[in-house]
Amino acid sequence: MTRVATFANDSLAVLNTTRSLPLLAVLSVKFAACVTKWATRRQTRLALNHLEAWQLDDVGLTPHAARTEARKVFWKA
């Protein structure tokens, strides 16, 4: 078990010594993460809009709260 911990520590040390990613790469990853988050919100809100009252009750939402959340645009948290 000590060997695994040492290996993990060595791997982390390598990450600290390498130079950082280029700015364009960092921005690309952040953009991809943002678009993925937006797509997930849109898909979740569309599905939420189609749930029945008993299903909403199972997740702890009222129909009014579900409609309010489903009407939000995807870029709003």
PDB file of N, CA and C in Angstrom:
ATOM      1  N   MET A   1       0.826  -1.191   0.000  1.00  0.00           N
ATOM      2  CA  MET A   1       0.000   0.000   0.000  1.00  0.00           C
ATOM      3  C   MET A   1       0.867   1.250   0.000  1.00  0.00           C
ATOM      4  N   THR A   2       1.988   1.188   0.672  1.00  0.00           N
ATOM      5  CA  THR A   2       2.900   2.326   0.701  1.00  0.00           C
ATOM      6  C   THR A   2       3.441   2.598  -0.694  1.00  0.00           C
ATOM      7  N   ARG A   3       3.658   1.547  -1.442  1.00  0.00           N
ATOM      8  CA  ARG A   3       4.179   1.702  -2.798  1.00  0.00           C
ATOM      9  C   ARG A   3       3.211   2.485  -3.672  1.00  0.00           C
ATOM     10  N   VAL A   4       1.925   2.212  -3.571  1.00  0.00           N
ATOM     11  CA  VAL A   4       0.923   2.927  -4.352  1.00  0.00           C
ATOM     12  C   VAL A   4       0.907   4.399  -3.962  1.00  0.00           C
ATOM     13  N   ALA A   5       0.968   4.676  -2.665  1.00  0.00           N
ATOM     14  CA  ALA A   5       0.964   6.057  -2.197  1.00  0.00           C
ATOM     15  C   ALA A   5       2.196   6.794  -2.705  1.00  0.00           C
ATOM     16  N   THR A   6       3.341   6.129  -2.702  1.00  0.00           N
ATOM     17  CA  THR A   6       4.571   6.746  -3.199  1.00  0.00           C
ATOM     18  C   THR A   6       4.447   7.038  -4.683  1.00  0.00           C
ATOM     19  N   PHE A   7       3.891   6.100  -5.428  1.00  0.00           N
ATOM     20  CA  PHE A   7       3.716   6.303  -6.861  1.00  0.00           C
ATOM     21  C   PHE A   7       2.807   7.493  -7.125  1.00  0.00           C
ATOM     22  N   ALA A   8       1.713   7.597  -6.360  1.00  0.00           N
ATOM     23  CA  ALA A   8       0.792   8.713  -6.543  1.00  0.00           C
ATOM     24  C   ALA A   8       1.482  10.035  -6.223  1.00  0.00           C
ATOM     25  N   ASN A   9       2.278  10.053  -5.165  1.00  0.00           N
ATOM     26  CA  ASN A   9       2.995  11.273  -4.813  1.00  0.00           C
ATOM     27  C   ASN A   9       4.011  11.648  -5.886  1.00  0.00           C
ATOM     28  N   ASP A  10       4.703  10.645  -6.453  1.00  0.00           N
ATOM     29  CA  ASP A  10       5.657  10.904  -7.526  1.00  0.00           C
ATOM     30  C   ASP A  10       4.951  11.461  -8.759  1.00  0.00           C
ATOM     31  N   SER A  11       3.780  10.928  -9.072  1.00  0.00           N
ATOM     32  CA  SER A  11       3.023  11.406 -10.225  1.00  0.00           C
ATOM     33  C   SER A  11       2.587  12.844 -10.030  1.00  0.00           C
ATOM     34  N   LEU A  12       2.163  13.171  -8.841  1.00  0.00           N
ATOM     35  CA  LEU A  12       1.754  14.545  -8.557  1.00  0.00           C
ATOM     36  C   LEU A  12       2.940  15.493  -8.618  1.00  0.00           C
ATOM     37  N   ALA A  13       4.087  15.038  -8.191  1.00  0.00           N
ATOM     38  CA  ALA A  13       5.287  15.866  -8.238  1.00  0.00           C
ATOM     39  C   ALA A  13       5.645  16.198  -9.684  1.00  0.00           C
ATOM     40  N   VAL A  14       5.476  15.240 -10.585  1.00  0.00           N
ATOM     41  CA  VAL A  14       5.749  15.490 -12.003  1.00  0.00           C
ATOM     42  C   VAL A  14       4.818  16.568 -12.542  1.00  0.00           C
ATOM     43  N   LEU A  15       3.569  16.546 -12.132  1.00  0.00           N
ATOM     44  CA  LEU A  15       2.623  17.561 -12.594  1.00  0.00           C
ATOM     45  C   LEU A  15       3.038  18.957 -12.137  1.00  0.00           C
ATOM     46  N   ASN A  16       3.613  19.061 -10.955  1.00  0.00           N
ATOM     47  CA  ASN A  16       4.042  20.358 -10.454  1.00  0.00           C
ATOM     48  C   ASN A  16       5.274  20.881 -11.171  1.00  0.00           C
ATOM     49  N   THR A  17       6.086  19.998 -11.743  1.00  0.00           N
ATOM     50  CA  THR A  17       7.314  20.442 -12.407  1.00  0.00           C
ATOM     51  C   THR A  17       7.102  20.745 -13.883  1.00  0.00           C
ATOM     52  N   THR A  18       6.038  20.239 -14.480  1.00  0.00           N
ATOM     53  CA  THR A  18       5.808  20.503 -15.901  1.00  0.00           C
ATOM     54  C   THR A  18       5.254  21.902 -16.078  1.00  0.00           C
ATOM     55  N   ARG A  19       5.513  22.467 -17.235  1.00  0.00           N
ATOM     56  CA  ARG A  19       5.007  23.813 -17.473  1.00  0.00           C
ATOM     57  C   ARG A  19       3.506  23.746 -17.765  1.00  0.00           C
ATOM     58  N   SER A  20       2.865  24.856 -17.613  1.00  0.00           N
ATOM     59  CA  SER A  20       1.410  24.891 -17.761  1.00  0.00           C
ATOM     60  C   SER A  20       1.011  24.783 -19.230  1.00  0.00           C
ATOM     61  N   LEU A  21      -0.240  24.513 -19.442  1.00  0.00           N
ATOM     62  CA  LEU A  21      -0.764  24.407 -20.800  1.00  0.00           C
ATOM     63  C   LEU A  21      -0.791  25.772 -21.462  1.00  0.00           C
ATOM     64  N   PRO A  22      -0.745  25.810 -22.780  1.00  0.00           N
ATOM     65  CA  PRO A  22      -0.873  27.090 -23.481  1.00  0.00           C
ATOM     66  C   PRO A  22      -2.248  27.698 -23.204  1.00  0.00           C
ATOM     67  N   LEU A  23      -2.322  28.998 -23.297  1.00  0.00           N
ATOM     68  CA  LEU A  23      -3.554  29.717 -23.000  1.00  0.00           C
ATOM     69  C   LEU A  23      -4.711  29.232 -23.864  1.00  0.00           C
ATOM     70  N   LEU A  24      -4.465  29.003 -25.135  1.00  0.00           N
ATOM     71  CA  LEU A  24      -5.531  28.541 -26.021  1.00  0.00           C
ATOM     72  C   LEU A  24      -6.075  27.182 -25.584  1.00  0.00           C
ATOM     73  N   ALA A  25      -5.217  26.311 -25.114  1.00  0.00           N
ATOM     74  CA  ALA A  25      -5.662  24.997 -24.629  1.00  0.00           C
ATOM     75  C   ALA A  25      -6.520  25.146 -23.386  1.00  0.00           C
ATOM     76  N   VAL A  26      -6.112  26.011 -22.473  1.00  0.00           N
ATOM     77  CA  VAL A  26      -6.880  26.241 -21.249  1.00  0.00           C
ATOM     78  C   VAL A  26      -8.253  26.814 -21.597  1.00  0.00           C
ATOM     79  N   LEU A  27      -8.274  27.800 -22.484  1.00  0.00           N
ATOM     80  CA  LEU A  27      -9.548  28.394 -22.888  1.00  0.00           C
ATOM     81  C   LEU A  27     -10.444  27.389 -23.601  1.00  0.00           C
ATOM     82  N   SER A  28      -9.855  26.528 -24.399  1.00  0.00           N
ATOM     83  CA  SER A  28     -10.634  25.508 -25.110  1.00  0.00           C
ATOM     84  C   SER A  28     -11.284  24.533 -24.142  1.00  0.00           C
ATOM     85  N   VAL A  29     -10.535  24.113 -23.135  1.00  0.00           N
ATOM     86  CA  VAL A  29     -11.081  23.184 -22.140  1.00  0.00           C
ATOM     87  C   VAL A  29     -12.194  23.861 -21.345  1.00  0.00           C
ATOM     88  N   LYS A  30     -11.985  25.116 -20.954  1.00  0.00           N
ATOM     89  CA  LYS A  30     -13.019  25.839 -20.204  1.00  0.00           C
ATOM     90  C   LYS A  30     -14.267  26.032 -21.060  1.00  0.00           C
ATOM     91  N   PHE A  31     -14.099  26.324 -22.335  1.00  0.00           N
ATOM     92  CA  PHE A  31     -15.240  26.483 -23.235  1.00  0.00           C
ATOM     93  C   PHE A  31     -16.003  25.169 -23.375  1.00  0.00           C
ATOM     94  N   ALA A  32     -15.280  24.074 -23.545  1.00  0.00           N
ATOM     95  CA  ALA A  32     -15.921  22.760 -23.673  1.00  0.00           C
ATOM     96  C   ALA A  32     -16.685  22.401 -22.404  1.00  0.00           C
ATOM     97  N   ALA A  33     -16.113  22.704 -21.254  1.00  0.00           N
ATOM     98  CA  ALA A  33     -16.799  22.418 -19.988  1.00  0.00           C
ATOM     99  C   ALA A  33     -18.063  23.252 -19.860  1.00  0.00           C
ATOM    100  N   CYS A  34     -18.008  24.505 -20.272  1.00  0.00           N
ATOM    101  CA  CYS A  34     -19.171  25.383 -20.203  1.00  0.00           C
ATOM    102  C   CYS A  34     -20.289  24.900 -21.132  1.00  0.00           C
ATOM    103  N   VAL A  35     -19.934  24.552 -22.352  1.00  0.00           N
ATOM    104  CA  VAL A  35     -20.936  24.065 -23.310  1.00  0.00           C
ATOM    105  C   VAL A  35     -21.558  22.759 -22.826  1.00  0.00           C
ATOM    106  N   THR A  36     -20.743  21.896 -22.238  1.00  0.00           N
ATOM    107  CA  THR A  36     -21.262  20.637 -21.693  1.00  0.00           C
ATOM    108  C   THR A  36     -22.239  20.898 -20.555  1.00  0.00           C
ATOM    109  N   LYS A  37     -21.911  21.840 -19.695  1.00  0.00           N
ATOM    110  CA  LYS A  37     -22.798  22.191 -18.582  1.00  0.00           C
ATOM    111  C   LYS A  37     -24.122  22.738 -19.116  1.00  0.00           C
ATOM    112  N   TRP A  38     -24.050  23.595 -20.133  1.00  0.00           N
ATOM    113  CA  TRP A  38     -25.263  24.164 -20.717  1.00  0.00           C
ATOM    114  C   TRP A  38     -26.133  23.074 -21.355  1.00  0.00           C
ATOM    115  N   ALA A  39     -25.500  22.147 -22.064  1.00  0.00           N
ATOM    116  CA  ALA A  39     -26.257  21.066 -22.710  1.00  0.00           C
ATOM    117  C   ALA A  39     -26.935  20.184 -21.667  1.00  0.00           C
ATOM    118  N   THR A  40     -26.243  19.919 -20.570  1.00  0.00           N
ATOM    119  CA  THR A  40     -26.820  19.109 -19.496  1.00  0.00           C
ATOM    120  C   THR A  40     -28.013  19.823 -18.873  1.00  0.00           C
ATOM    121  N   ARG A  41     -27.867  21.133 -18.623  1.00  0.00           N
ATOM    122  CA  ARG A  41     -28.989  21.896 -18.060  1.00  0.00           C
ATOM    123  C   ARG A  41     -30.193  21.857 -18.991  1.00  0.00           C
ATOM    124  N   ARG A  42     -29.957  22.052 -20.285  1.00  0.00           N
ATOM    125  CA  ARG A  42     -31.063  22.060 -21.248  1.00  0.00           C
ATOM    126  C   ARG A  42     -31.772  20.714 -21.260  1.00  0.00           C
ATOM    127  N   GLN A  43     -31.005  19.648 -21.329  1.00  0.00           N
ATOM    128  CA  GLN A  43     -31.584  18.305 -21.377  1.00  0.00           C
ATOM    129  C   GLN A  43     -32.349  17.993 -20.093  1.00  0.00           C
ATOM    130  N   THR A  44     -31.796  18.365 -18.957  1.00  0.00           N
ATOM    131  CA  THR A  44     -32.449  18.106 -17.679  1.00  0.00           C
ATOM    132  C   THR A  44     -33.747  18.893 -17.557  1.00  0.00           C
ATOM    133  N   ARG A  45     -33.728  20.141 -17.985  1.00  0.00           N
ATOM    134  CA  ARG A  45     -34.934  20.966 -17.892  1.00  0.00           C
ATOM    135  C   ARG A  45     -36.016  20.502 -18.860  1.00  0.00           C
ATOM    136  N   LEU A  46     -35.623  20.033 -20.017  1.00  0.00           N
ATOM    137  CA  LEU A  46     -36.623  19.481 -20.940  1.00  0.00           C
ATOM    138  C   LEU A  46     -37.271  18.237 -20.344  1.00  0.00           C
ATOM    139  N   ALA A  47     -36.473  17.380 -19.720  1.00  0.00           N
ATOM    140  CA  ALA A  47     -37.008  16.173 -19.096  1.00  0.00           C
ATOM    141  C   ALA A  47     -37.880  16.530 -17.899  1.00  0.00           C
ATOM    142  N   LEU A  48     -37.475  17.528 -17.133  1.00  0.00           N
ATOM    143  CA  LEU A  48     -38.236  17.957 -15.962  1.00  0.00           C
ATOM    144  C   LEU A  48     -39.626  18.443 -16.369  1.00  0.00           C
ATOM    145  N   ASN A  49     -39.694  19.073 -17.508  1.00  0.00           N
ATOM    146  CA  ASN A  49     -40.961  19.608 -18.001  1.00  0.00           C
ATOM    147  C   ASN A  49     -41.962  18.497 -18.346  1.00  0.00           C
ATOM    148  N   HIS A  50     -41.478  17.285 -18.559  1.00  0.00           N
ATOM    149  CA  HIS A  50     -42.356  16.178 -18.949  1.00  0.00           C
ATOM    150  C   HIS A  50     -42.691  15.208 -17.817  1.00  0.00           C
ATOM    151  N   LEU A  51     -42.205  15.490 -16.612  1.00  0.00           N
ATOM    152  CA  LEU A  51     -42.496  14.601 -15.493  1.00  0.00           C
ATOM    153  C   LEU A  51     -43.921  14.809 -14.977  1.00  0.00           C
ATOM    154  N   GLU A  52     -44.502  13.735 -14.499  1.00  0.00           N
ATOM    155  CA  GLU A  52     -45.845  13.808 -13.932  1.00  0.00           C
ATOM    156  C   GLU A  52     -45.758  14.195 -12.460  1.00  0.00           C
ATOM    157  N   ALA A  53     -46.899  14.543 -11.874  1.00  0.00           N
ATOM    158  CA  ALA A  53     -46.936  15.044 -10.495  1.00  0.00           C
ATOM    159  C   ALA A  53     -46.355  14.043  -9.501  1.00  0.00           C
ATOM    160  N   TRP A  54     -46.659  12.758  -9.676  1.00  0.00           N
ATOM    161  CA  TRP A  54     -46.153  11.761  -8.727  1.00  0.00           C
ATOM    162  C   TRP A  54     -44.639  11.611  -8.846  1.00  0.00           C
ATOM    163  N   GLN A  55     -44.091  11.809 -10.061  1.00  0.00           N
ATOM    164  CA  GLN A  55     -42.649  11.749 -10.241  1.00  0.00           C
ATOM    165  C   GLN A  55     -41.964  12.968  -9.616  1.00  0.00           C
ATOM    166  N   LEU A  56     -42.597  14.118  -9.762  1.00  0.00           N
ATOM    167  CA  LEU A  56     -42.065  15.332  -9.145  1.00  0.00           C
ATOM    168  C   LEU A  56     -42.069  15.205  -7.626  1.00  0.00           C
ATOM    169  N   ASP A  57     -43.115  14.588  -7.111  1.00  0.00           N
ATOM    170  CA  ASP A  57     -43.195  14.372  -5.666  1.00  0.00           C
ATOM    171  C   ASP A  57     -42.055  13.477  -5.182  1.00  0.00           C
ATOM    172  N   ASP A  58     -41.692  12.500  -6.004  1.00  0.00           N
ATOM    173  CA  ASP A  58     -40.582  11.609  -5.651  1.00  0.00           C
ATOM    174  C   ASP A  58     -39.256  12.357  -5.531  1.00  0.00           C
ATOM    175  N   VAL A  59     -39.052  13.379  -6.356  1.00  0.00           N
ATOM    176  CA  VAL A  59     -37.800  14.138  -6.299  1.00  0.00           C
ATOM    177  C   VAL A  59     -37.912  15.371  -5.418  1.00  0.00           C
ATOM    178  N   GLY A  60     -39.086  15.568  -4.811  1.00  0.00           N
ATOM    179  CA  GLY A  60     -39.247  16.657  -3.855  1.00  0.00           C
ATOM    180  C   GLY A  60     -39.556  18.007  -4.474  1.00  0.00           C
ATOM    181  N   LEU A  61     -40.189  18.014  -5.637  1.00  0.00           N
ATOM    182  CA  LEU A  61     -40.563  19.269  -6.284  1.00  0.00           C
ATOM    183  C   LEU A  61     -42.066  19.373  -6.434  1.00  0.00           C
ATOM    184  N   THR A  62     -42.553  20.596  -6.365  1.00  0.00           N
ATOM    185  CA  THR A  62     -43.958  20.839  -6.663  1.00  0.00           C
ATOM    186  C   THR A  62     -44.070  21.071  -8.169  1.00  0.00           C
ATOM    187  N   PRO A  63     -45.245  20.877  -8.742  1.00  0.00           N
ATOM    188  CA  PRO A  63     -45.399  21.165 -10.173  1.00  0.00           C
ATOM    189  C   PRO A  63     -45.043  22.613 -10.524  1.00  0.00           C
ATOM    190  N   HIS A  64     -45.367  23.544  -9.626  1.00  0.00           N
ATOM    191  CA  HIS A  64     -45.040  24.947  -9.887  1.00  0.00           C
ATOM    192  C   HIS A  64     -43.527  25.163  -9.916  1.00  0.00           C
ATOM    193  N   ALA A  65     -42.812  24.586  -8.964  1.00  0.00           N
ATOM    194  CA  ALA A  65     -41.351  24.712  -8.923  1.00  0.00           C
ATOM    195  C   ALA A  65     -40.707  24.070 -10.157  1.00  0.00           C
ATOM    196  N   ALA A  66     -41.257  22.949 -10.588  1.00  0.00           N
ATOM    197  CA  ALA A  66     -40.732  22.265 -11.771  1.00  0.00           C
ATOM    198  C   ALA A  66     -40.947  23.109 -13.021  1.00  0.00           C
ATOM    199  N   ARG A  67     -42.130  23.699 -13.160  1.00  0.00           N
ATOM    200  CA  ARG A  67     -42.394  24.565 -14.319  1.00  0.00           C
ATOM    201  C   ARG A  67     -41.478  25.775 -14.319  1.00  0.00           C
ATOM    202  N   THR A  68     -41.272  26.355 -13.134  1.00  0.00           N
ATOM    203  CA  THR A  68     -40.388  27.518 -13.022  1.00  0.00           C
ATOM    204  C   THR A  68     -38.969  27.160 -13.446  1.00  0.00           C
ATOM    205  N   GLU A  69     -38.478  26.026 -12.986  1.00  0.00           N
ATOM    206  CA  GLU A  69     -37.124  25.586 -13.346  1.00  0.00           C
ATOM    207  C   GLU A  69     -37.049  25.240 -14.831  1.00  0.00           C
ATOM    208  N   ALA A  70     -38.054  24.592 -15.369  1.00  0.00           N
ATOM    209  CA  ALA A  70     -38.047  24.180 -16.772  1.00  0.00           C
ATOM    210  C   ALA A  70     -38.088  25.370 -17.719  1.00  0.00           C
ATOM    211  N   ARG A  71     -38.630  26.483 -17.276  1.00  0.00           N
ATOM    212  CA  ARG A  71     -38.714  27.675 -18.134  1.00  0.00           C
ATOM    213  C   ARG A  71     -37.424  28.479 -18.186  1.00  0.00           C
ATOM    214  N   LYS A  72     -36.498  28.178 -17.290  1.00  0.00           N
ATOM    215  CA  LYS A  72     -35.237  28.932 -17.283  1.00  0.00           C
ATOM    216  C   LYS A  72     -34.446  28.625 -18.557  1.00  0.00           C
ATOM    217  N   VAL A  73     -33.707  29.609 -19.012  1.00  0.00           N
ATOM    218  CA  VAL A  73     -32.841  29.397 -20.162  1.00  0.00           C
ATOM    219  C   VAL A  73     -31.604  28.621 -19.725  1.00  0.00           C
ATOM    220  N   PHE A  74     -30.982  27.928 -20.647  1.00  0.00           N
ATOM    221  CA  PHE A  74     -29.917  26.988 -20.284  1.00  0.00           C
ATOM    222  C   PHE A  74     -28.686  27.644 -19.680  1.00  0.00           C
ATOM    223  N   TRP A  75     -28.446  28.897 -19.935  1.00  0.00           N
ATOM    224  CA  TRP A  75     -27.239  29.527 -19.392  1.00  0.00           C
ATOM    225  C   TRP A  75     -27.436  30.069 -17.981  1.00  0.00           C
ATOM    226  N   LYS A  76     -28.659  30.023 -17.465  1.00  0.00           N
ATOM    227  CA  LYS A  76     -28.927  30.463 -16.104  1.00  0.00           C
ATOM    228  C   LYS A  76     -28.889  29.272 -15.148  1.00  0.00           C
ATOM    229  N   ALA A  77     -28.178  29.446 -14.042  1.00  0.00           N
ATOM    230  CA  ALA A  77     -28.078  28.366 -13.053  1.00  0.00           C
ATOM    231  C   ALA A  77     -29.330  28.295 -12.203  1.00  0.00           C
TER     232      ALA A  77
END
